[in-house]
């Protein structure tokens, strides 16, 4: 599987899976190929309606929070094997 195809599969899977939550701004964040497992690990970020920071933050131009998911895809079959939460390090 080519890297671009892995990204398409991951973005489509996240979009379909989380569609009932009205997610927006779905985008690629990072991608890694695990040679030992023959799997793609694609991190996809998106925003949910409740991730807003309120009207004051929006007026001030502050960014919305994002949710990040790691989509694990079999390179051989192209099948999605898992979707995991990607926690960010706190600074």
PDB file of N, CA and C in Angstrom:
ATOM      1  N   UNK A   1       0.858  -1.175   0.000  1.00  0.00           N
ATOM      2  CA  UNK A   1       0.000   0.000   0.000  1.00  0.00           C
ATOM      3  C   UNK A   1       0.900   1.234   0.000  1.00  0.00           C
ATOM      4  N   UNK A   2       0.565   2.182  -0.831  1.00  0.00           N
ATOM      5  CA  UNK A   2       1.306   3.437  -0.875  1.00  0.00           C
ATOM      6  C   UNK A   2       0.880   4.325   0.299  1.00  0.00           C
ATOM      7  N   UNK A   3       1.772   5.185   0.715  1.00  0.00           N
ATOM      8  CA  UNK A   3       1.509   6.063   1.854  1.00  0.00           C
ATOM      9  C   UNK A   3       0.266   6.921   1.626  1.00  0.00           C
ATOM     10  N   UNK A   4       0.090   7.454   0.432  1.00  0.00           N
ATOM     11  CA  UNK A   4      -1.080   8.293   0.160  1.00  0.00           C
ATOM     12  C   UNK A   4      -2.381   7.508   0.301  1.00  0.00           C
ATOM     13  N   UNK A   5      -2.359   6.243  -0.086  1.00  0.00           N
ATOM     14  CA  UNK A   5      -3.562   5.416   0.048  1.00  0.00           C
ATOM     15  C   UNK A   5      -3.869   5.157   1.525  1.00  0.00           C
ATOM     16  N   UNK A   6      -2.845   4.939   2.343  1.00  0.00           N
ATOM     17  CA  UNK A   6      -3.046   4.734   3.780  1.00  0.00           C
ATOM     18  C   UNK A   6      -3.701   5.966   4.400  1.00  0.00           C
ATOM     19  N   UNK A   7      -3.295   7.143   3.967  1.00  0.00           N
ATOM     20  CA  UNK A   7      -3.882   8.381   4.483  1.00  0.00           C
ATOM     21  C   UNK A   7      -5.356   8.487   4.079  1.00  0.00           C
ATOM     22  N   UNK A   8      -5.665   8.175   2.832  1.00  0.00           N
ATOM     23  CA  UNK A   8      -7.057   8.222   2.359  1.00  0.00           C
ATOM     24  C   UNK A   8      -7.919   7.259   3.173  1.00  0.00           C
ATOM     25  N   UNK A   9      -7.433   6.045   3.375  1.00  0.00           N
ATOM     26  CA  UNK A   9      -8.182   5.043   4.146  1.00  0.00           C
ATOM     27  C   UNK A   9      -8.425   5.545   5.570  1.00  0.00           C
ATOM     28  N   UNK A  10      -7.393   6.084   6.207  1.00  0.00           N
ATOM     29  CA  UNK A  10      -7.515   6.547   7.597  1.00  0.00           C
ATOM     30  C   UNK A  10      -8.490   7.717   7.711  1.00  0.00           C
ATOM     31  N   UNK A  11      -8.367   8.699   6.826  1.00  0.00           N
ATOM     32  CA  UNK A  11      -9.258   9.863   6.886  1.00  0.00           C
ATOM     33  C   UNK A  11     -10.705   9.465   6.634  1.00  0.00           C
ATOM     34  N   UNK A  12     -10.929   8.579   5.674  1.00  0.00           N
ATOM     35  CA  UNK A  12     -12.290   8.140   5.369  1.00  0.00           C
ATOM     36  C   UNK A  12     -12.885   7.362   6.534  1.00  0.00           C
ATOM     37  N   UNK A  13     -12.072   6.504   7.147  1.00  0.00           N
ATOM     38  CA  UNK A  13     -12.552   5.705   8.276  1.00  0.00           C
ATOM     39  C   UNK A  13     -12.946   6.606   9.450  1.00  0.00           C
ATOM     40  N   UNK A  14     -12.106   7.566   9.784  1.00  0.00           N
ATOM     41  CA  UNK A  14     -12.410   8.487  10.879  1.00  0.00           C
ATOM     42  C   UNK A  14     -13.650   9.306  10.546  1.00  0.00           C
ATOM     43  N   UNK A  15     -13.727   9.803   9.318  1.00  0.00           N
ATOM     44  CA  UNK A  15     -14.893  10.602   8.908  1.00  0.00           C
ATOM     45  C   UNK A  15     -16.180   9.805   9.027  1.00  0.00           C
ATOM     46  N   UNK A  16     -16.163   8.557   8.597  1.00  0.00           N
ATOM     47  CA  UNK A  16     -17.352   7.701   8.679  1.00  0.00           C
ATOM     48  C   UNK A  16     -17.686   7.332  10.122  1.00  0.00           C
ATOM     49  N   UNK A  17     -16.677   6.942  10.875  1.00  0.00           N
ATOM     50  CA  UNK A  17     -16.873   6.479  12.249  1.00  0.00           C
ATOM     51  C   UNK A  17     -17.421   7.574  13.157  1.00  0.00           C
ATOM     52  N   UNK A  18     -16.910   8.792  12.985  1.00  0.00           N
ATOM     53  CA  UNK A  18     -17.294   9.890  13.864  1.00  0.00           C
ATOM     54  C   UNK A  18     -18.316  10.833  13.232  1.00  0.00           C
ATOM     55  N   UNK A  19     -18.890  10.460  12.099  1.00  0.00           N
ATOM     56  CA  UNK A  19     -19.880  11.303  11.408  1.00  0.00           C
ATOM     57  C   UNK A  19     -21.043  11.726  12.309  1.00  0.00           C
ATOM     58  N   UNK A  20     -21.577  10.845  13.154  1.00  0.00           N
ATOM     59  CA  UNK A  20     -22.690  11.265  14.017  1.00  0.00           C
ATOM     60  C   UNK A  20     -22.317  12.398  14.986  1.00  0.00           C
ATOM     61  N   UNK A  21     -21.023  12.635  15.180  1.00  0.00           N
ATOM     62  CA  UNK A  21     -20.577  13.682  16.100  1.00  0.00           C
ATOM     63  C   UNK A  21     -20.290  15.004  15.385  1.00  0.00           C
ATOM     64  N   UNK A  22     -20.618  15.077  14.094  1.00  0.00           N
ATOM     65  CA  UNK A  22     -20.439  16.307  13.308  1.00  0.00           C
ATOM     66  C   UNK A  22     -19.018  16.862  13.382  1.00  0.00           C
ATOM     67  N   UNK A  23     -18.036  15.996  13.164  1.00  0.00           N
ATOM     68  CA  UNK A  23     -16.645  16.449  13.221  1.00  0.00           C
ATOM     69  C   UNK A  23     -16.326  17.334  12.015  1.00  0.00           C
ATOM     70  N   UNK A  24     -15.344  18.207  12.195  1.00  0.00           N
ATOM     71  CA  UNK A  24     -14.886  19.100  11.140  1.00  0.00           C
ATOM     72  C   UNK A  24     -13.367  19.150  11.128  1.00  0.00           C
ATOM     73  N   UNK A  25     -12.834  19.759  10.095  1.00  0.00           N
ATOM     74  CA  UNK A  25     -11.391  19.979   9.988  1.00  0.00           C
ATOM     75  C   UNK A  25     -10.588  18.690  10.141  1.00  0.00           C
ATOM     76  N   UNK A  26     -11.022  17.636   9.453  1.00  0.00           N
ATOM     77  CA  UNK A  26     -10.343  16.344   9.494  1.00  0.00           C
ATOM     78  C   UNK A  26      -9.053  16.461   8.695  1.00  0.00           C
ATOM     79  N   UNK A  27      -7.944  16.110   9.309  1.00  0.00           N
ATOM     80  CA  UNK A  27      -6.683  16.237   8.596  1.00  0.00           C
ATOM     81  C   UNK A  27      -5.595  15.314   9.115  1.00  0.00           C
ATOM     82  N   UNK A  28      -4.644  15.045   8.250  1.00  0.00           N
ATOM     83  CA  UNK A  28      -3.479  14.230   8.593  1.00  0.00           C
ATOM     84  C   UNK A  28      -2.584  14.987   9.556  1.00  0.00           C
ATOM     85  N   UNK A  29      -2.145  14.315  10.597  1.00  0.00           N
ATOM     86  CA  UNK A  29      -1.212  14.906  11.557  1.00  0.00           C
ATOM     87  C   UNK A  29       0.166  14.253  11.459  1.00  0.00           C
ATOM     88  N   UNK A  30       0.193  12.917  11.407  1.00  0.00           N
ATOM     89  CA  UNK A  30       1.464  12.218  11.248  1.00  0.00           C
ATOM     90  C   UNK A  30       1.202  10.795  10.773  1.00  0.00           C
ATOM     91  N   UNK A  31       2.249  10.190  10.215  1.00  0.00           N
ATOM     92  CA  UNK A  31       2.124   8.819   9.706  1.00  0.00           C
ATOM     93  C   UNK A  31       3.423   8.082   9.936  1.00  0.00           C
ATOM     94  N   UNK A  32       3.298   6.797  10.243  1.00  0.00           N
ATOM     95  CA  UNK A  32       4.484   5.962  10.487  1.00  0.00           C
ATOM     96  C   UNK A  32       4.174   4.548   9.995  1.00  0.00           C
ATOM     97  N   UNK A  33       5.184   3.904   9.411  1.00  0.00           N
ATOM     98  CA  UNK A  33       5.039   2.524   8.990  1.00  0.00           C
ATOM     99  C   UNK A  33       5.829   1.638   9.944  1.00  0.00           C
ATOM    100  N   UNK A  34       5.159   0.635  10.530  1.00  0.00           N
ATOM    101  CA  UNK A  34       5.791  -0.320  11.440  1.00  0.00           C
ATOM    102  C   UNK A  34       6.170  -1.551  10.623  1.00  0.00           C
ATOM    103  N   UNK A  35       7.448  -1.671  10.303  1.00  0.00           N
ATOM    104  CA  UNK A  35       7.918  -2.775   9.454  1.00  0.00           C
ATOM    105  C   UNK A  35       7.757  -4.136  10.121  1.00  0.00           C
ATOM    106  N   UNK A  36       7.934  -4.214  11.422  1.00  0.00           N
ATOM    107  CA  UNK A  36       7.804  -5.489  12.138  1.00  0.00           C
ATOM    108  C   UNK A  36       6.376  -6.029  12.076  1.00  0.00           C
ATOM    109  N   UNK A  37       5.406  -5.133  12.160  1.00  0.00           N
ATOM    110  CA  UNK A  37       3.997  -5.541  12.160  1.00  0.00           C
ATOM    111  C   UNK A  37       3.349  -5.423  10.787  1.00  0.00           C
ATOM    112  N   UNK A  38       4.060  -4.791   9.840  1.00  0.00           N
ATOM    113  CA  UNK A  38       3.518  -4.561   8.491  1.00  0.00           C
ATOM    114  C   UNK A  38       2.218  -3.755   8.583  1.00  0.00           C
ATOM    115  N   UNK A  39       2.271  -2.661   9.367  1.00  0.00           N
ATOM    116  CA  UNK A  39       1.096  -1.836   9.610  1.00  0.00           C
ATOM    117  C   UNK A  39       1.430  -0.356   9.477  1.00  0.00           C
ATOM    118  N   UNK A  40       0.459   0.384   8.999  1.00  0.00           N
ATOM    119  CA  UNK A  40       0.527   1.838   8.984  1.00  0.00           C
ATOM    120  C   UNK A  40      -0.120   2.352  10.250  1.00  0.00           C
ATOM    121  N   UNK A  41       0.487   3.360  10.865  1.00  0.00           N
ATOM    122  CA  UNK A  41      -0.113   4.049  12.006  1.00  0.00           C
ATOM    123  C   UNK A  41      -0.272   5.504  11.582  1.00  0.00           C
ATOM    124  N   UNK A  42      -1.518   5.875  11.323  1.00  0.00           N
ATOM    125  CA  UNK A  42      -1.832   7.187  10.773  1.00  0.00           C
ATOM    126  C   UNK A  42      -2.582   7.987  11.829  1.00  0.00           C
ATOM    127  N   UNK A  43      -2.029   9.135  12.217  1.00  0.00           N
ATOM    128  CA  UNK A  43      -2.708   9.999  13.185  1.00  0.00           C
ATOM    129  C   UNK A  43      -3.529  11.033  12.427  1.00  0.00           C
ATOM    130  N   UNK A  44      -4.823  11.057  12.736  1.00  0.00           N
ATOM    131  CA  UNK A  44      -5.769  11.976  12.123  1.00  0.00           C
ATOM    132  C   UNK A  44      -6.314  12.892  13.218  1.00  0.00           C
ATOM    133  N   UNK A  45      -6.332  14.185  12.938  1.00  0.00           N
ATOM    134  CA  UNK A  45      -6.877  15.160  13.875  1.00  0.00           C
ATOM    135  C   UNK A  45      -8.192  15.712  13.360  1.00  0.00           C
ATOM    136  N   UNK A  46      -9.068  16.103  14.284  1.00  0.00           N
ATOM    137  CA  UNK A  46     -10.342  16.713  13.905  1.00  0.00           C
ATOM    138  C   UNK A  46     -10.899  17.490  15.085  1.00  0.00           C
ATOM    139  N   UNK A  47     -11.914  18.300  14.800  1.00  0.00           N
ATOM    140  CA  UNK A  47     -12.581  19.076  15.844  1.00  0.00           C
ATOM    141  C   UNK A  47     -14.025  18.601  15.974  1.00  0.00           C
ATOM    142  N   UNK A  48     -14.506  18.614  17.197  1.00  0.00           N
ATOM    143  CA  UNK A  48     -15.900  18.300  17.489  1.00  0.00           C
ATOM    144  C   UNK A  48     -16.598  19.598  17.885  1.00  0.00           C
ATOM    145  N   UNK A  49     -17.910  19.663  17.698  1.00  0.00           N
ATOM    146  CA  UNK A  49     -18.621  20.902  18.044  1.00  0.00           C
ATOM    147  C   UNK A  49     -18.381  21.350  19.488  1.00  0.00           C
ATOM    148  N   UNK A  50     -18.295  20.423  20.408  1.00  0.00           N
ATOM    149  CA  UNK A  50     -18.126  20.779  21.823  1.00  0.00           C
ATOM    150  C   UNK A  50     -16.677  21.117  22.183  1.00  0.00           C
ATOM    151  N   UNK A  51     -15.775  21.053  21.212  1.00  0.00           N
ATOM    152  CA  UNK A  51     -14.385  21.442  21.453  1.00  0.00           C
ATOM    153  C   UNK A  51     -14.192  22.958  21.389  1.00  0.00           C
ATOM    154  N   UNK A  52     -15.247  23.690  21.077  1.00  0.00           N
ATOM    155  CA  UNK A  52     -15.152  25.149  20.989  1.00  0.00           C
ATOM    156  C   UNK A  52     -14.761  25.745  22.328  1.00  0.00           C
ATOM    157  N   UNK A  53     -14.167  26.905  22.255  1.00  0.00           N
ATOM    158  CA  UNK A  53     -13.696  27.568  23.465  1.00  0.00           C
ATOM    159  C   UNK A  53     -14.653  28.657  23.946  1.00  0.00           C
ATOM    160  N   UNK A  54     -15.829  28.753  23.305  1.00  0.00           N
ATOM    161  CA  UNK A  54     -16.780  29.785  23.687  1.00  0.00           C
ATOM    162  C   UNK A  54     -16.666  30.996  22.775  1.00  0.00           C
ATOM    163  N   UNK A  55     -17.613  31.891  22.898  1.00  0.00           N
ATOM    164  CA  UNK A  55     -17.668  33.033  21.986  1.00  0.00           C
ATOM    165  C   UNK A  55     -16.518  34.004  22.197  1.00  0.00           C
ATOM    166  N   UNK A  56     -16.081  34.207  23.433  1.00  0.00           N
ATOM    167  CA  UNK A  56     -14.972  35.119  23.679  1.00  0.00           C
ATOM    168  C   UNK A  56     -13.702  34.624  23.001  1.00  0.00           C
ATOM    169  N   UNK A  57     -13.407  33.340  23.160  1.00  0.00           N
ATOM    170  CA  UNK A  57     -12.205  32.764  22.544  1.00  0.00           C
ATOM    171  C   UNK A  57     -12.301  32.830  21.029  1.00  0.00           C
ATOM    172  N   UNK A  58     -13.479  32.559  20.500  1.00  0.00           N
ATOM    173  CA  UNK A  58     -13.662  32.610  19.047  1.00  0.00           C
ATOM    174  C   UNK A  58     -13.441  34.025  18.534  1.00  0.00           C
ATOM    175  N   UNK A  59     -13.979  35.015  19.252  1.00  0.00           N
ATOM    176  CA  UNK A  59     -13.812  36.415  18.848  1.00  0.00           C
ATOM    177  C   UNK A  59     -12.360  36.839  18.936  1.00  0.00           C
ATOM    178  N   UNK A  60     -11.622  36.264  19.878  1.00  0.00           N
ATOM    179  CA  UNK A  60     -10.209  36.600  20.048  1.00  0.00           C
ATOM    180  C   UNK A  60      -9.326  35.841  19.070  1.00  0.00           C
ATOM    181  N   UNK A  61      -9.919  34.927  18.297  1.00  0.00           N
ATOM    182  CA  UNK A  61      -9.151  34.175  17.310  1.00  0.00           C
ATOM    183  C   UNK A  61      -8.366  33.011  17.888  1.00  0.00           C
ATOM    184  N   UNK A  62      -8.735  32.567  19.067  1.00  0.00           N
ATOM    185  CA  UNK A  62      -8.036  31.428  19.674  1.00  0.00           C
ATOM    186  C   UNK A  62      -8.469  30.138  18.996  1.00  0.00           C
ATOM    187  N   UNK A  63      -7.543  29.234  18.844  1.00  0.00           N
ATOM    188  CA  UNK A  63      -7.815  27.981  18.145  1.00  0.00           C
ATOM    189  C   UNK A  63      -8.695  27.056  18.987  1.00  0.00           C
ATOM    190  N   UNK A  64      -9.482  26.252  18.268  1.00  0.00           N
ATOM    191  CA  UNK A  64     -10.282  25.219  18.929  1.00  0.00           C
ATOM    192  C   UNK A  64      -9.374  24.053  19.300  1.00  0.00           C
ATOM    193  N   UNK A  65      -9.768  23.340  20.313  1.00  0.00           N
ATOM    194  CA  UNK A  65      -9.062  22.111  20.655  1.00  0.00           C
ATOM    195  C   UNK A  65      -9.304  21.091  19.563  1.00  0.00           C
ATOM    196  N   UNK A  66      -8.415  20.128  19.442  1.00  0.00           N
ATOM    197  CA  UNK A  66      -8.572  19.063  18.455  1.00  0.00           C
ATOM    198  C   UNK A  66      -8.469  17.716  19.151  1.00  0.00           C
ATOM    199  N   UNK A  67      -9.091  16.734  18.547  1.00  0.00           N
ATOM    200  CA  UNK A  67      -8.999  15.353  18.982  1.00  0.00           C
ATOM    201  C   UNK A  67      -8.088  14.643  17.998  1.00  0.00           C
ATOM    202  N   UNK A  68      -7.271  13.733  18.498  1.00  0.00           N
ATOM    203  CA  UNK A  68      -6.340  12.995  17.643  1.00  0.00           C
ATOM    204  C   UNK A  68      -6.567  11.499  17.817  1.00  0.00           C
ATOM    205  N   UNK A  69      -6.659  10.798  16.696  1.00  0.00           N
ATOM    206  CA  UNK A  69      -6.843   9.347  16.700  1.00  0.00           C
ATOM    207  C   UNK A  69      -5.764   8.698  15.843  1.00  0.00           C
ATOM    208  N   UNK A  70      -5.249   7.576  16.317  1.00  0.00           N
ATOM    209  CA  UNK A  70      -4.298   6.774  15.550  1.00  0.00           C
ATOM    210  C   UNK A  70      -5.091   5.660  14.884  1.00  0.00           C
ATOM    211  N   UNK A  71      -5.017   5.616  13.569  1.00  0.00           N
ATOM    212  CA  UNK A  71      -5.693   4.572  12.802  1.00  0.00           C
ATOM    213  C   UNK A  71      -4.620   3.584  12.359  1.00  0.00           C
ATOM    214  N   UNK A  72      -4.778   2.329  12.773  1.00  0.00           N
ATOM    215  CA  UNK A  72      -3.822   1.276  12.427  1.00  0.00           C
ATOM    216  C   UNK A  72      -4.395   0.498  11.245  1.00  0.00           C
ATOM    217  N   UNK A  73      -3.595   0.406  10.170  1.00  0.00           N
ATOM    218  CA  UNK A  73      -4.056  -0.222   8.927  1.00  0.00           C
ATOM    219  C   UNK A  73      -3.074  -1.308   8.507  1.00  0.00           C
ATOM    220  N   UNK A  74      -3.595  -2.481   8.179  1.00  0.00           N
ATOM    221  CA  UNK A  74      -2.767  -3.565   7.661  1.00  0.00           C
ATOM    222  C   UNK A  74      -2.265  -3.181   6.274  1.00  0.00           C
ATOM    223  N   UNK A  75      -0.958  -3.267   6.070  1.00  0.00           N
ATOM    224  CA  UNK A  75      -0.403  -2.942   4.757  1.00  0.00           C
ATOM    225  C   UNK A  75      -0.823  -3.984   3.727  1.00  0.00           C
ATOM    226  N   UNK A  76      -0.892  -5.237   4.141  1.00  0.00           N
ATOM    227  CA  UNK A  76      -1.210  -6.321   3.213  1.00  0.00           C
ATOM    228  C   UNK A  76      -2.653  -6.279   2.719  1.00  0.00           C
ATOM    229  N   UNK A  77      -3.591  -6.048   3.641  1.00  0.00           N
ATOM    230  CA  UNK A  77      -5.010  -6.123   3.271  1.00  0.00           C
ATOM    231  C   UNK A  77      -5.671  -4.752   3.087  1.00  0.00           C
ATOM    232  N   UNK A  78      -5.074  -3.710   3.661  1.00  0.00           N
ATOM    233  CA  UNK A  78      -5.686  -2.395   3.617  1.00  0.00           C
ATOM    234  C   UNK A  78      -6.815  -2.230   4.611  1.00  0.00           C
ATOM    235  N   UNK A  79      -6.994  -3.228   5.460  1.00  0.00           N
ATOM    236  CA  UNK A  79      -8.068  -3.238   6.459  1.00  0.00           C
ATOM    237  C   UNK A  79      -7.669  -2.431   7.695  1.00  0.00           C
ATOM    238  N   UNK A  80      -8.616  -1.663   8.230  1.00  0.00           N
ATOM    239  CA  UNK A  80      -8.380  -0.936   9.478  1.00  0.00           C
ATOM    240  C   UNK A  80      -8.440  -1.932  10.621  1.00  0.00           C
ATOM    241  N   UNK A  81      -7.371  -1.971  11.416  1.00  0.00           N
ATOM    242  CA  UNK A  81      -7.278  -2.925  12.511  1.00  0.00           C
ATOM    243  C   UNK A  81      -7.660  -2.321  13.861  1.00  0.00           C
ATOM    244  N   UNK A  82      -7.442  -1.013  14.002  1.00  0.00           N
ATOM    245  CA  UNK A  82      -7.724  -0.363  15.285  1.00  0.00           C
ATOM    246  C   UNK A  82      -7.791   1.143  15.096  1.00  0.00           C
ATOM    247  N   UNK A  83      -8.527   1.770  16.023  1.00  0.00           N
ATOM    248  CA  UNK A  83      -8.542   3.218  16.151  1.00  0.00           C
ATOM    249  C   UNK A  83      -8.313   3.510  17.619  1.00  0.00           C
ATOM    250  N   UNK A  84      -7.231   4.222  17.911  1.00  0.00           N
ATOM    251  CA  UNK A  84      -6.865   4.516  19.304  1.00  0.00           C
ATOM    252  C   UNK A  84      -6.767   6.023  19.508  1.00  0.00           C
ATOM    253  N   UNK A  85      -6.992   6.441  20.755  1.00  0.00           N
ATOM    254  CA  UNK A  85      -6.834   7.843  21.097  1.00  0.00           C
ATOM    255  C   UNK A  85      -5.347   8.189  21.137  1.00  0.00           C
ATOM    256  N   UNK A  86      -5.002   9.335  20.623  1.00  0.00           N
ATOM    257  CA  UNK A  86      -3.620   9.813  20.654  1.00  0.00           C
ATOM    258  C   UNK A  86      -3.553  10.960  21.650  1.00  0.00           C
ATOM    259  N   UNK A  87      -3.003  10.679  22.823  1.00  0.00           N
ATOM    260  CA  UNK A  87      -2.879  11.714  23.858  1.00  0.00           C
ATOM    261  C   UNK A  87      -1.640  12.552  23.568  1.00  0.00           C
ATOM    262  N   UNK A  88      -1.767  13.837  23.806  1.00  0.00           N
ATOM    263  CA  UNK A  88      -0.643  14.745  23.601  1.00  0.00           C
ATOM    264  C   UNK A  88       0.061  14.986  24.921  1.00  0.00           C
ATOM    265  N   UNK A  89       1.361  15.190  24.855  1.00  0.00           N
ATOM    266  CA  UNK A  89       2.127  15.503  26.051  1.00  0.00           C
ATOM    267  C   UNK A  89       1.736  16.880  26.551  1.00  0.00           C
ATOM    268  N   UNK A  90       1.576  17.025  27.837  1.00  0.00           N
ATOM    269  CA  UNK A  90       1.243  18.320  28.438  1.00  0.00           C
ATOM    270  C   UNK A  90       2.512  19.107  28.679  1.00  0.00           C
ATOM    271  N   UNK A  91       2.479  20.369  28.334  1.00  0.00           N
ATOM    272  CA  UNK A  91       3.665  21.229  28.524  1.00  0.00           C
ATOM    273  C   UNK A  91       3.515  22.029  29.791  1.00  0.00           C
TER     274      UNK A  91
END
